[in-house]
Protein backbone atom coordinates (compact mmCIF):
# COMPACT_ATOMS: atom_id res chain seq x y z
CA MET A 1 109.64 37.03 42.45
CA ARG A 2 111.97 38.57 45.02
CA SER A 3 109.17 38.99 47.52
CA ARG A 4 108.32 35.29 47.21
CA ILE A 5 111.95 34.28 47.84
CA ALA A 6 112.12 36.57 50.87
CA TYR A 7 108.87 35.19 52.18
CA PHE A 8 110.13 31.62 51.71
CA LEU A 9 113.38 32.35 53.49
CA LEU A 10 111.47 33.96 56.37
CA ILE A 11 109.28 30.86 56.74
CA LEU A 12 112.33 28.64 56.60
CA ALA A 13 114.12 30.67 59.25
CA VAL A 14 111.13 30.55 61.57
CA PHE A 15 110.86 26.79 61.06
CA LEU A 16 114.53 26.14 61.71
CA LEU A 17 114.65 28.40 64.76
CA ASN A 18 111.56 26.90 66.36
CA PHE A 19 111.80 23.27 65.31
CA PRO A 20 113.54 21.53 68.26
CA GLN A 21 115.67 19.06 66.32
CA ALA A 22 116.72 21.55 63.66
CA ALA A 23 117.44 24.19 66.25
CA LYS A 24 120.11 21.94 67.82
CA SER A 25 122.25 21.83 64.72
CA PRO A 26 125.32 24.17 64.87
CA PRO A 27 124.41 26.40 61.89
CA VAL A 28 120.83 26.86 63.01
CA SER A 29 121.78 27.37 66.65
CA SER A 30 124.27 30.07 65.63
CA VAL A 31 121.68 31.86 63.57
CA ARG A 32 119.16 31.51 66.38
CA ALA A 33 121.62 32.96 68.89
CA SER A 34 122.40 35.88 66.59
CA VAL A 35 118.72 36.61 66.08
CA GLN A 36 118.06 36.44 69.82
CA THR A 37 121.01 38.75 70.52
CA VAL A 38 119.78 41.29 67.98
CA GLY A 39 116.27 40.97 69.35
CA TYR A 40 117.51 41.51 72.92
CA VAL A 41 119.45 44.58 71.92
CA PHE A 42 116.49 45.90 70.00
CA GLU A 43 114.18 45.13 72.93
CA GLY A 44 116.51 46.89 75.37
CA SER A 45 116.83 49.93 73.15
CA THR A 46 113.08 50.04 72.69
CA SER A 47 112.51 49.84 76.46
CA TYR A 48 115.07 52.59 77.06
CA LEU A 49 113.48 54.80 74.44
CA LEU A 50 110.01 54.14 75.81
CA GLU A 51 111.18 54.95 79.34
CA LYS A 52 112.78 58.23 78.28
CA THR A 53 109.75 59.11 76.18
CA ASN A 54 107.46 58.49 79.14
CA HIS A 55 109.71 60.64 81.34
CA PHE A 56 109.68 63.44 78.76
CA PHE A 57 105.91 63.48 78.36
CA GLY A 58 105.54 63.12 82.12
CA PHE A 59 107.71 66.22 82.57
CA ILE A 60 105.58 68.13 80.05
CA ILE A 61 102.36 67.09 81.81
CA ASN A 62 103.74 67.95 85.26
CA ALA A 63 105.02 71.31 84.01
CA ASN A 64 101.57 72.08 82.61
CA LYS A 65 99.94 71.12 85.92
CA PHE A 66 102.45 73.26 87.82
CA GLU A 67 101.75 76.26 85.57
CA LYS A 68 97.99 75.91 86.08
CA ALA A 69 98.48 75.59 89.85
CA ASN A 70 100.74 78.64 89.82
CA LEU A 71 98.16 80.69 87.92
CA ALA A 72 95.41 79.60 90.32
CA LEU A 73 97.59 80.56 93.29
CA LYS A 74 98.38 83.93 91.70
CA GLU A 75 94.66 84.61 91.18
CA LYS A 76 93.92 83.73 94.82
CA LEU A 77 96.72 86.04 95.96
CA GLU A 78 95.41 88.93 93.84
CA ARG A 79 91.88 88.42 95.22
CA ALA A 80 93.25 88.34 98.76
CA GLU A 81 95.19 91.57 98.19
CA ALA A 82 92.10 93.26 96.73
CA GLU A 83 89.99 92.15 99.69
CA LEU A 84 92.66 93.40 102.09
CA LEU A 85 92.66 96.82 100.42
CA VAL A 86 88.88 97.00 100.73
CA LEU A 87 89.05 96.05 104.40
CA GLN A 88 91.76 98.62 105.05
CA LYS A 89 89.69 101.29 103.32
CA ILE A 90 86.64 100.39 105.40
CA GLU A 91 88.73 100.46 108.58
CA ASN A 92 90.18 103.87 107.66
CA GLU A 93 86.70 105.21 106.97
CA ASN A 94 85.41 103.82 110.26
CA GLN A 95 88.36 105.31 112.11
CA ALA A 96 87.78 108.70 110.45
CA LEU A 97 84.09 108.51 111.37
CA ARG A 98 84.87 107.65 115.00
CA SER A 99 87.36 110.50 115.11
CA ALA A 100 84.82 112.91 113.64
CA LEU A 101 82.15 111.89 116.13
CA GLY A 102 84.63 112.18 118.99
CA PHE A 103 85.71 115.67 117.91
CA LYS A 104 82.09 116.77 117.55
CA ALA A 105 81.29 115.43 121.01
CA SER A 106 84.27 117.20 122.62
CA ASN A 107 83.65 120.42 120.63
CA PRO A 108 86.52 122.52 121.98
CA TYR A 109 85.23 125.74 120.39
CA GLY A 110 81.66 125.71 121.69
CA PHE A 111 80.06 126.01 118.22
CA HIS A 112 77.44 123.66 116.81
CA LEU A 113 79.47 121.50 114.41
CA LEU A 114 78.00 119.81 111.36
CA PRO A 115 80.33 117.07 110.04
CA ALA A 116 80.76 116.88 106.27
CA GLU A 117 82.92 114.82 103.94
CA VAL A 118 85.02 116.23 101.12
CA ILE A 119 83.72 114.78 97.86
CA GLY A 120 85.62 116.91 95.36
CA ARG A 121 88.33 119.49 94.85
CA GLY A 122 88.63 122.57 92.72
CA GLY A 123 91.07 122.40 89.86
CA ASP A 124 93.17 125.22 91.39
CA GLU A 125 93.30 123.53 94.82
CA ILE A 126 91.77 126.55 96.58
CA ALA A 127 88.29 125.10 97.06
CA VAL A 128 86.64 121.80 97.97
CA VAL A 129 83.14 120.40 97.65
CA ILE A 130 81.43 118.80 100.65
CA ASN A 131 78.42 116.49 100.90
CA LYS A 132 76.23 118.83 102.96
CA GLY A 133 73.89 121.47 101.57
CA GLU A 134 70.63 123.35 102.04
CA THR A 135 68.78 120.31 103.38
CA ASP A 136 71.34 120.16 106.22
CA GLY A 137 71.03 123.83 107.08
CA VAL A 138 74.25 124.94 105.39
CA LYS A 139 74.42 128.62 104.42
CA ALA A 140 76.89 130.79 102.57
CA GLU A 141 79.67 132.46 104.60
CA GLN A 142 79.56 129.86 107.36
CA THR A 143 82.99 129.03 108.81
CA VAL A 144 84.49 125.63 108.04
CA ILE A 145 87.13 123.93 110.18
CA ASN A 146 88.70 120.54 110.81
CA ARG A 147 90.35 119.08 113.90
CA SER A 148 93.49 121.17 113.35
CA GLY A 149 92.01 124.59 112.74
CA LEU A 150 90.52 127.02 110.23
CA VAL A 151 89.87 125.61 106.75
CA GLY A 152 87.78 128.26 105.00
CA ARG A 153 84.23 129.43 104.39
CA VAL A 154 81.17 128.29 102.46
CA ILE A 155 80.75 130.25 99.23
CA GLU A 156 78.17 128.20 97.27
CA VAL A 157 75.29 126.06 98.50
CA THR A 158 73.11 123.60 96.60
CA LYS A 159 70.45 121.27 97.93
CA TYR A 160 72.80 118.42 98.84
CA SER A 161 76.32 119.87 98.56
CA SER A 162 78.35 123.00 99.13
CA LYS A 163 81.57 124.61 97.94
CA VAL A 164 84.15 125.74 100.47
CA SER A 165 86.76 128.39 99.67
CA LEU A 166 90.03 127.62 101.48
CA ILE A 167 91.98 130.30 103.35
CA THR A 168 94.85 129.55 100.97
CA ASP A 169 92.82 131.36 98.31
CA SER A 170 94.27 134.84 97.75
CA MET A 171 90.70 136.22 97.77
CA ASN A 172 90.32 135.29 101.46
CA VAL A 173 91.45 137.71 104.15
CA VAL A 174 91.48 136.68 107.81
CA SER A 175 91.75 139.13 110.66
CA ALA A 176 94.27 137.50 113.01
CA ILE A 177 96.15 137.98 116.23
CA LEU A 178 99.52 136.65 117.43
CA LEU A 179 98.79 135.24 120.85
CA LYS A 180 102.15 135.81 122.53
CA THR A 181 102.58 139.46 121.58
CA GLY A 182 98.90 140.30 121.13
CA THR A 183 99.73 141.80 117.75
CA TYR A 184 96.96 142.17 115.18
CA GLY A 185 97.35 141.69 111.46
CA VAL A 186 95.72 140.34 108.30
CA ILE A 187 96.47 136.87 106.94
CA ARG A 188 96.13 136.31 103.21
CA GLY A 189 96.36 133.24 101.01
CA GLY A 190 98.02 132.87 97.64
CA GLY A 191 100.34 129.87 97.67
CA ARG A 192 101.51 130.57 101.22
CA LEU A 193 99.85 132.26 104.15
CA THR A 194 101.35 135.65 105.01
CA MET A 195 100.44 138.02 107.79
CA ASP A 196 100.49 141.69 106.80
CA TYR A 197 100.41 144.93 108.80
CA VAL A 198 102.54 143.62 111.64
CA PRO A 199 104.60 146.60 112.89
CA SER A 200 108.35 146.29 112.42
CA SER A 201 108.81 147.31 116.04
CA VAL A 202 107.18 144.07 117.23
CA SER A 203 109.51 141.16 118.02
CA VAL A 204 107.82 138.18 116.36
CA GLU A 205 109.09 134.74 117.30
CA VAL A 206 109.11 131.65 115.11
CA GLY A 207 106.47 129.19 116.34
CA GLU A 208 104.18 131.88 117.76
CA ARG A 209 100.52 130.94 117.30
CA ALA A 210 98.10 132.93 115.16
CA VAL A 211 94.32 132.68 115.64
CA VAL A 212 91.25 134.43 114.27
CA SER A 213 90.88 137.74 116.09
CA ASN A 214 87.72 139.00 117.75
CA SER A 215 87.46 141.73 115.13
CA SER A 216 86.84 139.25 112.31
CA SER A 217 83.47 139.70 110.61
CA VAL A 218 83.75 136.59 108.44
CA PHE A 219 85.38 133.81 110.46
CA LEU A 220 84.58 132.81 114.01
CA ARG A 221 87.11 134.12 116.49
CA GLY A 222 89.61 132.00 118.37
CA LEU A 223 90.09 129.41 115.65
CA PRO A 224 93.71 128.33 115.05
CA ILE A 225 95.18 129.54 111.77
CA GLY A 226 98.81 128.48 112.13
CA THR A 227 102.19 129.36 113.57
CA VAL A 228 104.90 131.81 112.56
CA ARG A 229 107.35 130.26 110.12
CA SER A 230 109.49 133.32 109.52
CA ALA A 231 109.46 137.10 110.01
CA ASN A 232 111.28 139.48 107.67
CA LYS A 233 111.63 143.18 108.38
CA LYS A 234 113.72 146.10 107.25
CA VAL A 235 114.63 149.17 109.25
CA GLU A 236 113.06 151.51 106.74
CA ASP A 237 109.77 149.57 106.56
CA LEU A 238 106.81 150.28 108.80
CA PHE A 239 105.56 146.71 108.65
CA GLN A 240 107.26 143.35 108.53
CA LYS A 241 106.28 140.36 106.45
CA VAL A 242 105.37 137.36 108.56
CA GLU A 243 104.99 133.95 106.95
CA ILE A 244 102.52 131.57 108.59
CA GLU A 245 102.69 127.77 108.64
CA PRO A 246 99.05 126.59 108.36
CA ALA A 247 97.65 124.52 111.22
CA VAL A 248 95.69 122.54 108.63
CA ASP A 249 97.23 120.15 106.11
CA PHE A 250 95.25 121.22 103.04
CA SER A 251 96.53 118.25 101.02
CA LYS A 252 94.70 115.83 103.32
CA LEU A 253 91.22 117.23 103.79
CA ASP A 254 88.65 114.52 104.43
CA VAL A 255 86.18 115.28 107.23
CA LEU A 256 85.31 118.94 107.78
CA TYR A 257 82.98 120.70 110.21
CA ILE A 258 80.63 123.52 109.39
CA CYS A 259 80.27 125.93 112.30
CA GLN A 260 76.62 126.78 112.78
CA PRO A 261 74.86 129.06 115.33
């Protein structure tokens, strides 16, 4: 019953508001104006809400697009950095190869030099593995050097690789001579290089060069070993202890040379 009355009143209101003659009467015109005012306010509010809603969803969509673009840019940057690292590694390898070939060509020691790359290290840091072996003519006890000086000797040989014992190994003993004073001694490894059997009467200077002496039966003579770092002696001792700074940086061994007859 109520729904029918409401429906009837709605029809009546529509008729009065839209019928020209009825709409001119004061009561109907007042009602019509009120309805239009409410409708205008409602329409304005709806437009405002729709505008803000569109702006909100537009912000969400733009933020999503920005995030995707940012991720894509980050991926491109990571790929570029990876490619740059590869190129730098190739350039370093090429530079090392050119340096190795140049050193072999100049050959300041007069030996036949076989270049080899370090492909592994011993766990105790007193030996390295190189990529040359029996097929390249490598033999045990051959002297190994780099551009700076004496590195060690070959102790094991397989078909395609070899193991090199460094002079920093306490098992290696190198017959040496101090060039300035002409003093002979024996250099041993074991953490640091020390030169033994240097008479206390000899005045050893810091920076004096030590090379393999001509009495060495293991290493080829004339090869640089290092320079004097310090010399300690006591009046009552016959010999002084001389500490040697290696000519070779054993933490950065890459390209080595096997000295062959």
